[in-house]
Amino acid sequence: MARLRVAILAGGRSSEHEISLASARSVLESLDPEEYDVATVAIGRDGRWELGVGDGSVAETLPVPAANAPATLGAVDVVLPILHGPFGEDGTVQGLLELAGVPYIGAGVAASALCMDKDLFKKVLRDSGLPVARHVALREGDAVQNPFGFPCFVKPARLGSSVGITKAHDEAELRAAVELASRHDDKVLVEEFLDGIEVEVGVLGNREPIASIPGQIVPLGHEWYDYESKYDEGGMDLVIPPELPEAVIEEVQRAAVESFRVTECEGMARVDCFVVDGDQVVVNELNTIPGFTSTSVYAKLFAASGVRYDELLRRLIELALERHERRSKLDF
């Protein structure tokens, strides 16, 4: 049989550029060359595109624009947009791929944009009866407000990997935190602090999604699960399964799948929750393109659930092709 033509799209303009490249390298190493004919397209921090060099590796330096890079996306069987943050996880690239008429893994345009915006995401979940933390959204010119007391969290509305997030303990820290978050986004969230156990769960599927075994996040040497906890060696422990009653674990899985469903996600997602007061599950956020190295939380959760990394990639590719085939039968 002919090999499936796959394009890996990596890098991107956001501050999560290097994380994306690491994820893409891991994916590239795990795709069987006997099954997949792989091309790579790297997007620089300046927005320029370049095809991978001849050995199939992901380009890290982008000296010139590659005019034929977008055209490459239309000449493959499926695209793997291994991108994180704005200009990749927010529906922009997904729109390009829809226009190109090529199958791609992960959420579609609307779901990607919705889940990237923590303000809109929380509003949809609240309206769907799913518990989320209380928050207020501040835009340029708004007075700084915090109706929740201290500590509280301040976040850019549309960014990931804990970039620009602060746990504020007093009024001075609150104002500094809003200023920091405003450098990354022109919409900022002030969110209530939830004193609970942080639990993450992977979701996989299209119309019938399944949840992985959840994992409990234990930051080491940090007050909360910040950027360093996520990416520094020894920054956190992942306890699988979490130290919670079975009924609570099942509720975390149910909330994750329902969050995936009401936001109309497909393919994959990592859903981050808090368990407060021992048994109350509160959804924090949903990542439509989670970190995707073989040692990332998403991959570890499914490995613990009996789905190896290479099998996870195979299923995601199959899901992308299934969705494309289903939607190709619609009348537009």
C-alpha atoms as a PDB file:
ATOM      1  CA  MET A   1       0.000   0.000   0.000  1.00  0.00           C
ATOM      2  CA  ALA A   2       1.107   3.568  -0.684  1.00  0.00           C
ATOM      3  CA  ARG A   3       2.360   5.461   2.316  1.00  0.00           C
ATOM      4  CA  LEU A   4       0.061   8.104   3.778  1.00  0.00           C
ATOM      5  CA  ARG A   5       1.374  11.587   3.007  1.00  0.00           C
ATOM      6  CA  VAL A   6       1.615  13.552   6.257  1.00  0.00           C
ATOM      7  CA  ALA A   7       2.673  17.144   6.913  1.00  0.00           C
ATOM      8  CA  ILE A   8       3.765  18.205  10.400  1.00  0.00           C
ATOM      9  CA  LEU A   9       3.177  21.896  11.030  1.00  0.00           C
ATOM     10  CA  ALA A  10       5.285  23.238  13.893  1.00  0.00           C
ATOM     11  CA  GLY A  11       6.830  26.285  15.540  1.00  0.00           C
ATOM     12  CA  GLY A  12       4.505  29.258  15.249  1.00  0.00           C
ATOM     13  CA  ARG A  13       4.500  32.901  16.240  1.00  0.00           C
ATOM     14  CA  SER A  14       3.519  32.465  19.897  1.00  0.00           C
ATOM     15  CA  SER A  15       5.721  32.333  22.980  1.00  0.00           C
ATOM     16  CA  GLU A  16       5.170  28.556  22.949  1.00  0.00           C
ATOM     17  CA  HIS A  17       7.257  28.218  19.755  1.00  0.00           C
ATOM     18  CA  GLU A  18      10.017  26.072  21.272  1.00  0.00           C
ATOM     19  CA  ILE A  19       7.509  23.800  23.012  1.00  0.00           C
ATOM     20  CA  SER A  20       5.845  23.224  19.647  1.00  0.00           C
ATOM     21  CA  LEU A  21       9.161  22.298  18.011  1.00  0.00           C
ATOM     22  CA  ALA A  22       9.893  19.794  20.781  1.00  0.00           C
ATOM     23  CA  SER A  23       6.441  18.231  20.343  1.00  0.00           C
ATOM     24  CA  ALA A  24       6.909  18.064  16.563  1.00  0.00           C
ATOM     25  CA  ARG A  25      10.302  16.354  16.844  1.00  0.00           C
ATOM     26  CA  SER A  26       8.779  13.704  19.079  1.00  0.00           C
ATOM     27  CA  VAL A  27       5.925  13.124  16.626  1.00  0.00           C
ATOM     28  CA  LEU A  28       8.370  12.948  13.707  1.00  0.00           C
ATOM     29  CA  GLU A  29      10.475  10.327  15.459  1.00  0.00           C
ATOM     30  CA  SER A  30       7.418   8.185  16.207  1.00  0.00           C
ATOM     31  CA  LEU A  31       5.798   8.062  12.763  1.00  0.00           C
ATOM     32  CA  ASP A  32       6.779   4.816  11.045  1.00  0.00           C
ATOM     33  CA  PRO A  33       8.509   5.746   7.727  1.00  0.00           C
ATOM     34  CA  GLU A  34       7.127   2.562   6.189  1.00  0.00           C
ATOM     35  CA  GLU A  35       3.588   3.820   6.802  1.00  0.00           C
ATOM     36  CA  TYR A  36       3.977   7.584   6.477  1.00  0.00           C
ATOM     37  CA  ASP A  37       5.674   9.859   3.948  1.00  0.00           C
ATOM     38  CA  VAL A  38       6.360  12.860   6.182  1.00  0.00           C
ATOM     39  CA  ALA A  39       7.041  16.486   5.286  1.00  0.00           C
ATOM     40  CA  THR A  40       7.595  19.216   7.847  1.00  0.00           C
ATOM     41  CA  VAL A  41       6.633  22.859   7.652  1.00  0.00           C
ATOM     42  CA  ALA A  42       8.056  25.187  10.282  1.00  0.00           C
ATOM     43  CA  ILE A  43       6.609  28.619  11.088  1.00  0.00           C
ATOM     44  CA  GLY A  44       9.042  31.117  12.577  1.00  0.00           C
ATOM     45  CA  ARG A  45       8.383  33.561  15.392  1.00  0.00           C
ATOM     46  CA  ASP A  46       8.279  36.209  12.646  1.00  0.00           C
ATOM     47  CA  GLY A  47       5.502  34.317  10.865  1.00  0.00           C
ATOM     48  CA  ARG A  48       7.617  33.106   7.937  1.00  0.00           C
ATOM     49  CA  TRP A  49       7.190  29.519   6.714  1.00  0.00           C
ATOM     50  CA  GLU A  50       9.866  27.042   5.649  1.00  0.00           C
ATOM     51  CA  LEU A  51       9.822  23.454   4.500  1.00  0.00           C
ATOM     52  CA  GLY A  52      11.861  20.996   6.541  1.00  0.00           C
ATOM     53  CA  VAL A  53      15.362  20.261   5.337  1.00  0.00           C
ATOM     54  CA  GLY A  54      16.105  17.193   3.261  1.00  0.00           C
ATOM     55  CA  ASP A  55      16.590  14.781   6.156  1.00  0.00           C
ATOM     56  CA  GLY A  56      13.006  15.304   7.304  1.00  0.00           C
ATOM     57  CA  SER A  57      13.883  17.181  10.484  1.00  0.00           C
ATOM     58  CA  VAL A  58      11.974  20.193  11.726  1.00  0.00           C
ATOM     59  CA  ALA A  59      13.570  23.434  10.602  1.00  0.00           C
ATOM     60  CA  GLU A  60      14.632  25.653  13.502  1.00  0.00           C
ATOM     61  CA  THR A  61      16.008  28.622  11.604  1.00  0.00           C
ATOM     62  CA  LEU A  62      13.866  30.335   9.022  1.00  0.00           C
ATOM     63  CA  PRO A  63      16.126  32.521   6.847  1.00  0.00           C
ATOM     64  CA  VAL A  64      13.722  33.032   3.929  1.00  0.00           C
ATOM     65  CA  PRO A  65       9.986  32.729   3.325  1.00  0.00           C
ATOM     66  CA  ALA A  66       9.025  29.490   1.604  1.00  0.00           C
ATOM     67  CA  ALA A  67       6.388  30.399  -0.950  1.00  0.00           C
ATOM     68  CA  ASN A  68       5.631  26.744  -1.594  1.00  0.00           C
ATOM     69  CA  ALA A  69       5.136  25.781   2.070  1.00  0.00           C
ATOM     70  CA  PRO A  70       1.393  26.547   2.224  1.00  0.00           C
ATOM     71  CA  ALA A  71       0.933  24.756  -1.116  1.00  0.00           C
ATOM     72  CA  THR A  72       2.543  21.673   0.417  1.00  0.00           C
ATOM     73  CA  LEU A  73      -0.321  21.457   2.911  1.00  0.00           C
ATOM     74  CA  GLY A  74      -2.787  20.971   0.068  1.00  0.00           C
ATOM     75  CA  ALA A  75      -0.751  18.146  -1.468  1.00  0.00           C
ATOM     76  CA  VAL A  76      -0.818  15.757   1.491  1.00  0.00           C
ATOM     77  CA  ASP A  77      -3.357  13.311   2.912  1.00  0.00           C
ATOM     78  CA  VAL A  78      -3.432  14.755   6.425  1.00  0.00           C
ATOM     79  CA  VAL A  79      -1.850  17.629   8.363  1.00  0.00           C
ATOM     80  CA  LEU A  80      -0.684  17.430  11.957  1.00  0.00           C
ATOM     81  CA  PRO A  81      -0.724  21.027  13.274  1.00  0.00           C
ATOM     82  CA  ILE A  82       1.513  20.520  16.305  1.00  0.00           C
ATOM     83  CA  LEU A  83       1.220  24.168  17.321  1.00  0.00           C
ATOM     84  CA  HIS A  84       0.533  25.768  20.694  1.00  0.00           C
ATOM     85  CA  GLY A  85      -0.975  29.111  21.597  1.00  0.00           C
ATOM     86  CA  PRO A  86      -2.065  31.985  19.331  1.00  0.00           C
ATOM     87  CA  PHE A  87      -1.686  31.635  15.543  1.00  0.00           C
ATOM     88  CA  GLY A  88      -1.897  27.862  15.740  1.00  0.00           C
ATOM     89  CA  GLU A  89      -4.210  26.593  18.449  1.00  0.00           C
ATOM     90  CA  ASP A  90      -6.783  29.377  18.116  1.00  0.00           C
ATOM     91  CA  GLY A  91      -8.516  28.497  14.844  1.00  0.00           C
ATOM     92  CA  THR A  92      -6.320  30.558  12.509  1.00  0.00           C
ATOM     93  CA  VAL A  93      -4.333  27.662  11.049  1.00  0.00           C
ATOM     94  CA  GLN A  94      -7.397  25.440  11.194  1.00  0.00           C
ATOM     95  CA  GLY A  95      -9.177  27.960   8.937  1.00  0.00           C
ATOM     96  CA  LEU A  96      -6.301  27.822   6.466  1.00  0.00           C
ATOM     97  CA  LEU A  97      -6.502  24.038   6.384  1.00  0.00           C
ATOM     98  CA  GLU A  98     -10.272  24.146   5.875  1.00  0.00           C
ATOM     99  CA  LEU A  99      -9.761  26.466   2.909  1.00  0.00           C
ATOM    100  CA  ALA A 100      -7.128  24.095   1.531  1.00  0.00           C
ATOM    101  CA  GLY A 101      -9.602  21.223   1.879  1.00  0.00           C
ATOM    102  CA  VAL A 102      -7.102  18.992   3.671  1.00  0.00           C
ATOM    103  CA  PRO A 103      -7.821  16.739   6.686  1.00  0.00           C
ATOM    104  CA  TYR A 104      -6.091  17.752   9.924  1.00  0.00           C
ATOM    105  CA  ILE A 105      -5.944  16.439  13.455  1.00  0.00           C
ATOM    106  CA  GLY A 106      -7.537  18.243  16.361  1.00  0.00           C
ATOM    107  CA  ALA A 107     -10.418  20.630  16.908  1.00  0.00           C
ATOM    108  CA  GLY A 108     -12.009  22.644  14.123  1.00  0.00           C
ATOM    109  CA  VAL A 109     -12.072  26.417  13.680  1.00  0.00           C
ATOM    110  CA  ALA A 110     -14.841  27.352  16.103  1.00  0.00           C
ATOM    111  CA  ALA A 111     -13.866  24.913  18.847  1.00  0.00           C
ATOM    112  CA  SER A 112     -10.203  25.951  18.627  1.00  0.00           C
ATOM    113  CA  ALA A 113     -11.064  29.645  18.915  1.00  0.00           C
ATOM    114  CA  LEU A 114     -13.529  29.068  21.741  1.00  0.00           C
ATOM    115  CA  CYS A 115     -11.241  26.923  23.885  1.00  0.00           C
ATOM    116  CA  MET A 116      -8.309  29.303  23.365  1.00  0.00           C
ATOM    117  CA  ASP A 117     -10.330  32.127  24.898  1.00  0.00           C
ATOM    118  CA  LYS A 118     -10.630  31.305  28.602  1.00  0.00           C
ATOM    119  CA  ASP A 119     -13.331  33.949  29.074  1.00  0.00           C
ATOM    120  CA  LEU A 120     -15.635  32.600  26.345  1.00  0.00           C
ATOM    121  CA  PHE A 121     -14.843  28.989  27.256  1.00  0.00           C
ATOM    122  CA  LYS A 122     -15.993  29.514  30.842  1.00  0.00           C
ATOM    123  CA  LYS A 123     -19.179  31.216  29.698  1.00  0.00           C
ATOM    124  CA  VAL A 124     -20.092  28.295  27.417  1.00  0.00           C
ATOM    125  CA  LEU A 125     -19.402  25.763  30.165  1.00  0.00           C
ATOM    126  CA  ARG A 126     -21.452  27.736  32.704  1.00  0.00           C
ATOM    127  CA  ASP A 127     -24.352  27.907  30.254  1.00  0.00           C
ATOM    128  CA  SER A 128     -24.022  24.141  29.740  1.00  0.00           C
ATOM    129  CA  GLY A 129     -24.231  23.434  33.460  1.00  0.00           C
ATOM    130  CA  LEU A 130     -20.569  22.578  33.994  1.00  0.00           C
ATOM    131  CA  PRO A 131     -18.837  24.114  37.033  1.00  0.00           C
ATOM    132  CA  VAL A 132     -15.977  26.563  36.417  1.00  0.00           C
ATOM    133  CA  ALA A 133     -14.169  29.107  38.575  1.00  0.00           C
ATOM    134  CA  ARG A 134     -15.717  32.572  38.866  1.00  0.00           C
ATOM    135  CA  HIS A 135     -13.939  35.276  36.888  1.00  0.00           C
ATOM    136  CA  VAL A 136     -14.131  38.784  35.509  1.00  0.00           C
ATOM    137  CA  ALA A 137     -12.696  39.870  32.160  1.00  0.00           C
ATOM    138  CA  LEU A 138     -10.806  43.172  31.893  1.00  0.00           C
ATOM    139  CA  ARG A 139     -10.210  44.982  28.618  1.00  0.00           C
ATOM    140  CA  GLU A 140      -8.026  47.957  27.809  1.00  0.00           C
ATOM    141  CA  GLY A 141      -9.242  50.973  29.779  1.00  0.00           C
ATOM    142  CA  ASP A 142     -11.203  48.951  32.345  1.00  0.00           C
ATOM    143  CA  ALA A 143     -10.606  49.606  36.033  1.00  0.00           C
ATOM    144  CA  VAL A 144      -8.769  46.786  37.787  1.00  0.00           C
ATOM    145  CA  GLN A 145     -11.251  44.819  39.868  1.00  0.00           C
ATOM    146  CA  ASN A 146     -11.136  41.703  41.982  1.00  0.00           C
ATOM    147  CA  PRO A 147     -14.412  40.683  43.622  1.00  0.00           C
ATOM    148  CA  PHE A 148     -12.969  37.367  44.835  1.00  0.00           C
ATOM    149  CA  GLY A 149     -10.460  38.372  47.499  1.00  0.00           C
ATOM    150  CA  PHE A 150      -6.878  37.152  47.764  1.00  0.00           C
ATOM    151  CA  PRO A 151      -5.128  35.153  46.602  1.00  0.00           C
ATOM    152  CA  CYS A 152      -6.502  35.235  43.060  1.00  0.00           C
ATOM    153  CA  PHE A 153      -5.156  34.388  39.636  1.00  0.00           C
ATOM    154  CA  VAL A 154      -4.579  36.842  36.793  1.00  0.00           C
ATOM    155  CA  LYS A 155      -4.249  35.453  33.265  1.00  0.00           C
ATOM    156  CA  PRO A 156      -4.046  36.551  29.646  1.00  0.00           C
ATOM    157  CA  ALA A 157      -7.332  35.370  28.140  1.00  0.00           C
ATOM    158  CA  ARG A 158      -5.764  33.692  25.106  1.00  0.00           C
ATOM    159  CA  LEU A 159      -2.398  32.135  25.915  1.00  0.00           C
ATOM    160  CA  GLY A 160      -1.134  28.816  27.230  1.00  0.00           C
ATOM    161  CA  SER A 161       1.675  27.134  29.174  1.00  0.00           C
ATOM    162  CA  SER A 162       1.057  29.478  32.136  1.00  0.00           C
ATOM    163  CA  VAL A 163       2.804  32.319  30.270  1.00  0.00           C
ATOM    164  CA  GLY A 164       1.861  35.692  31.761  1.00  0.00           C
ATOM    165  CA  ILE A 165      -0.072  34.161  34.677  1.00  0.00           C
ATOM    166  CA  THR A 166       0.369  35.416  38.250  1.00  0.00           C
ATOM    167  CA  LYS A 167      -0.973  34.300  41.590  1.00  0.00           C
ATOM    168  CA  ALA A 168      -1.652  37.657  43.248  1.00  0.00           C
ATOM    169  CA  HIS A 169      -1.671  37.888  47.049  1.00  0.00           C
ATOM    170  CA  ASP A 170      -2.502  41.568  47.547  1.00  0.00           C
ATOM    171  CA  GLU A 171      -3.581  44.720  45.723  1.00  0.00           C
ATOM    172  CA  ALA A 172      -0.059  45.659  44.617  1.00  0.00           C
ATOM    173  CA  GLU A 173       0.562  42.200  43.155  1.00  0.00           C
ATOM    174  CA  LEU A 174      -2.849  42.314  41.469  1.00  0.00           C
ATOM    175  CA  ARG A 175      -2.049  45.524  39.608  1.00  0.00           C
ATOM    176  CA  ALA A 176       1.389  44.252  38.592  1.00  0.00           C
ATOM    177  CA  ALA A 177      -0.188  41.000  37.444  1.00  0.00           C
ATOM    178  CA  VAL A 178      -2.760  42.779  35.269  1.00  0.00           C
ATOM    179  CA  GLU A 179       0.035  44.849  33.712  1.00  0.00           C
ATOM    180  CA  LEU A 180       2.041  41.682  32.969  1.00  0.00           C
ATOM    181  CA  ALA A 181      -0.910  39.815  31.484  1.00  0.00           C
ATOM    182  CA  SER A 182      -1.803  42.859  29.363  1.00  0.00           C
ATOM    183  CA  ARG A 183       1.555  42.573  27.597  1.00  0.00           C
ATOM    184  CA  HIS A 184       0.393  39.239  26.192  1.00  0.00           C
ATOM    185  CA  ASP A 185      -3.289  39.915  25.479  1.00  0.00           C
ATOM    186  CA  ASP A 186      -5.698  42.840  25.392  1.00  0.00           C
ATOM    187  CA  LYS A 187      -8.199  40.814  27.427  1.00  0.00           C
ATOM    188  CA  VAL A 188      -7.195  39.736  30.939  1.00  0.00           C
ATOM    189  CA  LEU A 189      -8.941  37.426  33.393  1.00  0.00           C
ATOM    190  CA  VAL A 190      -9.067  37.898  37.148  1.00  0.00           C
ATOM    191  CA  GLU A 191     -10.140  34.550  38.548  1.00  0.00           C
ATOM    192  CA  GLU A 192     -11.005  33.211  41.975  1.00  0.00           C
ATOM    193  CA  PHE A 193      -8.475  30.975  43.696  1.00  0.00           C
ATOM    194  CA  LEU A 194      -9.568  27.361  44.089  1.00  0.00           C
ATOM    195  CA  ASP A 195      -7.944  25.513  46.951  1.00  0.00           C
ATOM    196  CA  GLY A 196      -7.977  21.982  45.669  1.00  0.00           C
ATOM    197  CA  ILE A 197      -6.200  19.141  43.892  1.00  0.00           C
ATOM    198  CA  GLU A 198      -5.246  19.789  40.255  1.00  0.00           C
ATOM    199  CA  VAL A 199      -6.139  16.878  37.995  1.00  0.00           C
ATOM    200  CA  GLU A 200      -5.693  16.513  34.236  1.00  0.00           C
ATOM    201  CA  VAL A 201      -7.340  14.055  31.870  1.00  0.00           C
ATOM    202  CA  GLY A 202      -6.876  13.314  28.175  1.00  0.00           C
ATOM    203  CA  VAL A 203      -9.795  13.036  25.766  1.00  0.00           C
ATOM    204  CA  LEU A 204      -9.633  11.236  22.413  1.00  0.00           C
ATOM    205  CA  GLY A 205     -12.287  10.847  19.730  1.00  0.00           C
ATOM    206  CA  ASN A 206     -14.779  12.586  17.472  1.00  0.00           C
ATOM    207  CA  ARG A 207     -18.470  11.866  18.017  1.00  0.00           C
ATOM    208  CA  GLU A 208     -17.813   9.268  20.735  1.00  0.00           C
ATOM    209  CA  PRO A 209     -14.866  10.614  22.765  1.00  0.00           C
ATOM    210  CA  ILE A 210     -13.201   8.636  25.537  1.00  0.00           C
ATOM    211  CA  ALA A 211     -11.324   9.857  28.604  1.00  0.00           C
ATOM    212  CA  SER A 212      -7.950   8.631  29.805  1.00  0.00           C
ATOM    213  CA  ILE A 213      -7.132   7.725  33.355  1.00  0.00           C
ATOM    214  CA  PRO A 214      -6.661  11.122  35.068  1.00  0.00           C
ATOM    215  CA  GLY A 215      -3.406  12.260  36.612  1.00  0.00           C
ATOM    216  CA  GLN A 216      -2.809  14.437  39.652  1.00  0.00           C
ATOM    217  CA  ILE A 217      -0.421  17.379  39.248  1.00  0.00           C
ATOM    218  CA  VAL A 218       1.959  17.892  42.181  1.00  0.00           C
ATOM    219  CA  PRO A 219       4.219  20.962  41.699  1.00  0.00           C
ATOM    220  CA  LEU A 220       7.641  20.556  43.332  1.00  0.00           C
ATOM    221  CA  GLY A 221       9.277  23.634  44.800  1.00  0.00           C
ATOM    222  CA  HIS A 222       6.620  25.990  43.419  1.00  0.00           C
ATOM    223  CA  GLU A 223       3.489  27.471  44.935  1.00  0.00           C
ATOM    224  CA  TRP A 224       1.393  26.583  41.891  1.00  0.00           C
ATOM    225  CA  TYR A 225       1.661  24.828  38.515  1.00  0.00           C
ATOM    226  CA  ASP A 226       3.564  27.597  36.718  1.00  0.00           C
ATOM    227  CA  TYR A 227       5.734  27.531  33.574  1.00  0.00           C
ATOM    228  CA  GLU A 228       8.804  26.243  35.437  1.00  0.00           C
ATOM    229  CA  SER A 229       6.782  23.458  37.076  1.00  0.00           C
ATOM    230  CA  LYS A 230       5.567  22.364  33.649  1.00  0.00           C
ATOM    231  CA  TYR A 231       8.833  22.409  31.745  1.00  0.00           C
ATOM    232  CA  ASP A 232      11.793  22.283  34.150  1.00  0.00           C
ATOM    233  CA  GLU A 233      13.264  18.885  34.937  1.00  0.00           C
ATOM    234  CA  GLY A 234      11.840  17.767  38.282  1.00  0.00           C
ATOM    235  CA  GLY A 235       9.329  20.626  38.358  1.00  0.00           C
ATOM    236  CA  MET A 236       6.342  18.389  39.039  1.00  0.00           C
ATOM    237  CA  ASP A 237       5.163  14.881  39.773  1.00  0.00           C
ATOM    238  CA  LEU A 238       2.329  13.279  37.850  1.00  0.00           C
ATOM    239  CA  VAL A 239       0.448  10.786  40.010  1.00  0.00           C
ATOM    240  CA  ILE A 240      -1.572   8.296  37.927  1.00  0.00           C
ATOM    241  CA  PRO A 241      -4.247   7.578  39.006  1.00  0.00           C
ATOM    242  CA  PRO A 242      -4.842  10.535  41.336  1.00  0.00           C
ATOM    243  CA  GLU A 243      -5.220   9.984  45.071  1.00  0.00           C
ATOM    244  CA  LEU A 244      -8.979  10.378  44.945  1.00  0.00           C
ATOM    245  CA  PRO A 245     -12.006   8.123  45.478  1.00  0.00           C
ATOM    246  CA  GLU A 246     -13.072   6.149  42.403  1.00  0.00           C
ATOM    247  CA  ALA A 247     -16.379   8.036  42.210  1.00  0.00           C
ATOM    248  CA  VAL A 248     -14.530  11.360  42.018  1.00  0.00           C
ATOM    249  CA  ILE A 249     -12.165  10.032  39.338  1.00  0.00           C
ATOM    250  CA  GLU A 250     -15.181   8.971  37.286  1.00  0.00           C
ATOM    251  CA  GLU A 251     -16.720  12.440  37.725  1.00  0.00           C
ATOM    252  CA  VAL A 252     -13.486  14.055  36.479  1.00  0.00           C
ATOM    253  CA  GLN A 253     -13.650  11.851  33.384  1.00  0.00           C
ATOM    254  CA  ARG A 254     -17.339  12.650  32.849  1.00  0.00           C
ATOM    255  CA  ALA A 255     -16.735  16.402  33.189  1.00  0.00           C
ATOM    256  CA  ALA A 256     -13.805  16.201  30.759  1.00  0.00           C
ATOM    257  CA  VAL A 257     -15.792  14.360  28.088  1.00  0.00           C
ATOM    258  CA  GLU A 258     -18.784  16.679  28.538  1.00  0.00           C
ATOM    259  CA  SER A 259     -16.535  19.760  28.242  1.00  0.00           C
ATOM    260  CA  PHE A 260     -15.109  18.288  25.041  1.00  0.00           C
ATOM    261  CA  ARG A 261     -18.629  17.654  23.725  1.00  0.00           C
ATOM    262  CA  VAL A 262     -20.275  21.011  24.540  1.00  0.00           C
ATOM    263  CA  THR A 263     -17.381  22.958  23.001  1.00  0.00           C
ATOM    264  CA  GLU A 264     -17.698  20.767  19.874  1.00  0.00           C
ATOM    265  CA  CYS A 265     -14.103  19.559  19.979  1.00  0.00           C
ATOM    266  CA  GLU A 266     -12.893  16.633  17.927  1.00  0.00           C
ATOM    267  CA  GLY A 267      -9.678  14.640  17.818  1.00  0.00           C
ATOM    268  CA  MET A 268      -7.936  15.350  21.070  1.00  0.00           C
ATOM    269  CA  ALA A 269      -7.833  17.591  24.111  1.00  0.00           C
ATOM    270  CA  ARG A 270      -6.386  17.741  27.596  1.00  0.00           C
ATOM    271  CA  VAL A 271      -8.890  18.935  30.170  1.00  0.00           C
ATOM    272  CA  ASP A 272      -7.549  20.489  33.371  1.00  0.00           C
ATOM    273  CA  CYS A 273      -9.728  20.357  36.490  1.00  0.00           C
ATOM    274  CA  PHE A 274      -9.627  21.078  40.199  1.00  0.00           C
ATOM    275  CA  VAL A 275     -11.161  18.859  42.863  1.00  0.00           C
ATOM    276  CA  VAL A 276     -12.199  21.050  45.803  1.00  0.00           C
ATOM    277  CA  ASP A 277     -13.677  20.057  49.156  1.00  0.00           C
ATOM    278  CA  GLY A 278     -12.742  16.463  48.450  1.00  0.00           C
ATOM    279  CA  ASP A 279     -15.345  15.693  45.801  1.00  0.00           C
ATOM    280  CA  GLN A 280     -16.386  18.804  43.837  1.00  0.00           C
ATOM    281  CA  VAL A 281     -15.002  18.816  40.271  1.00  0.00           C
ATOM    282  CA  VAL A 282     -14.422  22.248  38.698  1.00  0.00           C
ATOM    283  CA  VAL A 283     -13.224  22.510  35.087  1.00  0.00           C
ATOM    284  CA  ASN A 284     -10.315  24.924  34.661  1.00  0.00           C
ATOM    285  CA  GLU A 285      -9.497  24.882  30.947  1.00  0.00           C
ATOM    286  CA  LEU A 286      -9.342  22.726  27.834  1.00  0.00           C
ATOM    287  CA  ASN A 287      -6.244  22.516  25.615  1.00  0.00           C
ATOM    288  CA  THR A 288      -7.072  21.483  22.056  1.00  0.00           C
ATOM    289  CA  ILE A 289      -3.400  20.870  21.146  1.00  0.00           C
ATOM    290  CA  PRO A 290      -1.714  19.834  24.387  1.00  0.00           C
ATOM    291  CA  GLY A 291       2.021  19.372  24.704  1.00  0.00           C
ATOM    292  CA  PHE A 292       2.713  16.343  22.550  1.00  0.00           C
ATOM    293  CA  THR A 293       6.087  14.842  23.308  1.00  0.00           C
ATOM    294  CA  SER A 294       6.136  11.203  24.372  1.00  0.00           C
ATOM    295  CA  THR A 295       6.744  12.403  27.943  1.00  0.00           C
ATOM    296  CA  SER A 296       4.032  15.088  27.954  1.00  0.00           C
ATOM    297  CA  VAL A 297       1.100  14.717  30.329  1.00  0.00           C
ATOM    298  CA  TYR A 298      -1.359  13.873  27.541  1.00  0.00           C
ATOM    299  CA  ALA A 299       0.783  11.030  26.214  1.00  0.00           C
ATOM    300  CA  LYS A 300       1.538   9.721  29.711  1.00  0.00           C
ATOM    301  CA  LEU A 301      -2.158   9.649  30.616  1.00  0.00           C
ATOM    302  CA  PHE A 302      -3.045   7.577  27.568  1.00  0.00           C
ATOM    303  CA  ALA A 303      -0.009   5.329  28.012  1.00  0.00           C
ATOM    304  CA  ALA A 304      -1.322   4.585  31.504  1.00  0.00           C
ATOM    305  CA  SER A 305      -4.697   3.873  29.868  1.00  0.00           C
ATOM    306  CA  GLY A 306      -3.162   1.311  27.521  1.00  0.00           C
ATOM    307  CA  VAL A 307      -2.673   3.479  24.418  1.00  0.00           C
ATOM    308  CA  ARG A 308       0.979   3.756  23.361  1.00  0.00           C
ATOM    309  CA  TYR A 309       2.318   6.975  21.825  1.00  0.00           C
ATOM    310  CA  ASP A 310       2.576   5.571  18.292  1.00  0.00           C
ATOM    311  CA  GLU A 311      -0.940   4.147  18.553  1.00  0.00           C
ATOM    312  CA  LEU A 312      -2.196   7.513  19.817  1.00  0.00           C
ATOM    313  CA  LEU A 313      -0.813   9.190  16.702  1.00  0.00           C
ATOM    314  CA  ARG A 314      -2.359   6.546  14.475  1.00  0.00           C
ATOM    315  CA  ARG A 315      -5.771   7.045  16.059  1.00  0.00           C
ATOM    316  CA  LEU A 316      -5.556  10.825  15.725  1.00  0.00           C
ATOM    317  CA  ILE A 317      -4.734  10.511  12.032  1.00  0.00           C
ATOM    318  CA  GLU A 318      -7.650   8.116  11.552  1.00  0.00           C
ATOM    319  CA  LEU A 319      -9.971  10.532  13.380  1.00  0.00           C
ATOM    320  CA  ALA A 320      -8.839  13.400  11.137  1.00  0.00           C
ATOM    321  CA  LEU A 321      -9.558  11.369   8.016  1.00  0.00           C
ATOM    322  CA  GLU A 322     -12.931  10.220   9.382  1.00  0.00           C
ATOM    323  CA  ARG A 323     -14.053  13.777  10.141  1.00  0.00           C
ATOM    324  CA  HIS A 324     -12.942  15.024   6.729  1.00  0.00           C
ATOM    325  CA  GLU A 325     -14.830  12.228   4.997  1.00  0.00           C
ATOM    326  CA  ARG A 326     -17.960  12.912   7.070  1.00  0.00           C
ATOM    327  CA  ARG A 327     -17.924  16.635   6.439  1.00  0.00           C
ATOM    328  CA  SER A 328     -17.176  16.210   2.718  1.00  0.00           C
ATOM    329  CA  LYS A 329     -20.690  14.769   2.313  1.00  0.00           C
ATOM    330  CA  LEU A 330     -22.368  17.959   3.564  1.00  0.00           C
ATOM    331  CA  ASP A 331     -23.957  20.458   1.195  1.00  0.00           C
ATOM    332  CA  PHE A 332     -22.429  23.913   1.700  1.00  0.00           C
END
